[in-house]
Amino acid sequence: MKTLILAGGSGTRLFPLSREQFPKQFIKFNGESLFQKAVKRAMLFSKHGDIYVITNEKHKFMVMDQLSEIGVNAEVITEPAVKNTLPAIYYGIKKISESGRAKVAVLPSDHLIEVNENYIKAFKSAEKLADEYLVTFGIKPKKPHTGYGYIKPGERVGEGYIIEKFVEKPDFETAKRYIEEGYLWNSGMFLFDSELFIEECKRFAPEVVEAFENDVNTAYSIVPEVSVDKGIMEKTDKAAVVPLDTYWNDLGSFDSLYEIMEKDSNGNAVKGEFVGIDSKNNLIIGERLIATIGLKDSIVVETRDAILIALRSEAQKVKEIVNKLKEKRDKRVEFHTTVFKPWGFHTELEEGKFYKIRKLTVLPKRRLNTEMHYHRSEHWIVVKGTAKVTVGEKEFLLKNGESTFVPAGVKHKLENPGLLPLEVIEVQIGEYLGDDDIVEFEE
């Protein structure tokens, strides 16, 4: 079996923890990200070379770094644009099928799932059905939930059921009725035979198939934005569902995150330093000390550049905050103070009108391209590791505690020749400090 992991995402539902450039699947909640957990689940059924990850260009290097951290050599496929799940899955399966017909498990990278015997058994059952059906997995509900879509099982086939219908997120009373009638939560996980899936796409989404007869950039410029459920699963007469009885959480809100975290004696779920007086059942996440008095059933999430305070019952409305910030073209929707790059990442420490201070972390054996700035000069101070620096025609090494000056208008390059991460404090000084004041030279 091959596995296709969907690793795109907009980063809106857990703002300010997640951003467009850093969606929730890459956040390390307990030392490991949801993406890394998904890759490890894929390894239950697929060898390293049979795991494919489809993501967008801005997340490509984050995907590769997180794969490297867990020692997995998967193939990374990049999308030039985000067009929902059907184009992503079709493109991925089309690439996989170039080496022959295959059974393909399709896994979201941003869900938390308990792997147990039921999980393994469900995938083996789905693999048997996949010759004749497009198979999805339906989670057996533990309680009524208004944040999930539902699937109504119909006639039994093998260890699964023909799908009678898909239904959208219900209100609470409808959700209670669905559970009584045996509906399942729609997990967004699938198992497809590559040829059958492509045949059904030709029947029900020919515009997607036709788009991918072009090169990938042209394809993504013309392919419609559509989900695999709407585009295929709700139309085909070959859709089946295999029930899956295990813990599953799509972490679609902070209330879902509260659910999975350990609680103290007052029901507070805490990550960071917290002092609470008469405070109960709160989700507290922060990089600094957070102190509360009389706070109950609430969310407090603090990052370097934003603080969210909300009732847990209103957690689903975080997306509305993101939309308001988008209307103002606020860059905080897209970026954390830490921004990931092909060479590592940089963190904003402080900024004034004519200066900006960053910490650069350059991963081993990586470098920044040769570049130049017209409007700013830079000071580099090495605080950890050894830097190989080029300023103009001079090339030299800097060790921790040593520094150099890069004048405006001079070509320069920073490289980490060592085996450990290099940390450099960069002080930018100038009348204009925007990141578009970078002239890069091809290498």
Foldseek 3Di string as FASTA:
>chain_A
DAEEEEPQDAQQQEPPVGFNLRHQQLDDPPNAGLLLVVVVVRVVPDALARYEYEYAPSCQLVVVVNCVVVPGNYHYHHAPDAQAAPLRVLVVLVVVCVVHKDKYKYHYSQKDWDDDPLNVVLVVQQVVLQVQAWEFAFELDPAQDQQFKKWDFDDDDRQWGQTPAIGHRDPRVVSVVCNVNPITTGQPITIHTSVVVVVQCVVQPVLLVVLVVDPRVSSVVRGHRDYCCVRGVRPDRRYIYHYGYTDMASPSWVLSVLVPADADPQLEREDEAEAEACEHNEDYYEPDYDYYYNHYQWYWHDDPPDIDIGHVVCGSCSSVVLVVCVVVVNCSNHDDLWGADSQGIKHWDDDDQFKTKIKDKGAEFGKDFWKAFQFKKKKKAWQAAKKFKDWANDTDIDHHGDMDIHDHPIIMMIGHNDNGITIIMMMIGGNDDDPVRMGGDDD
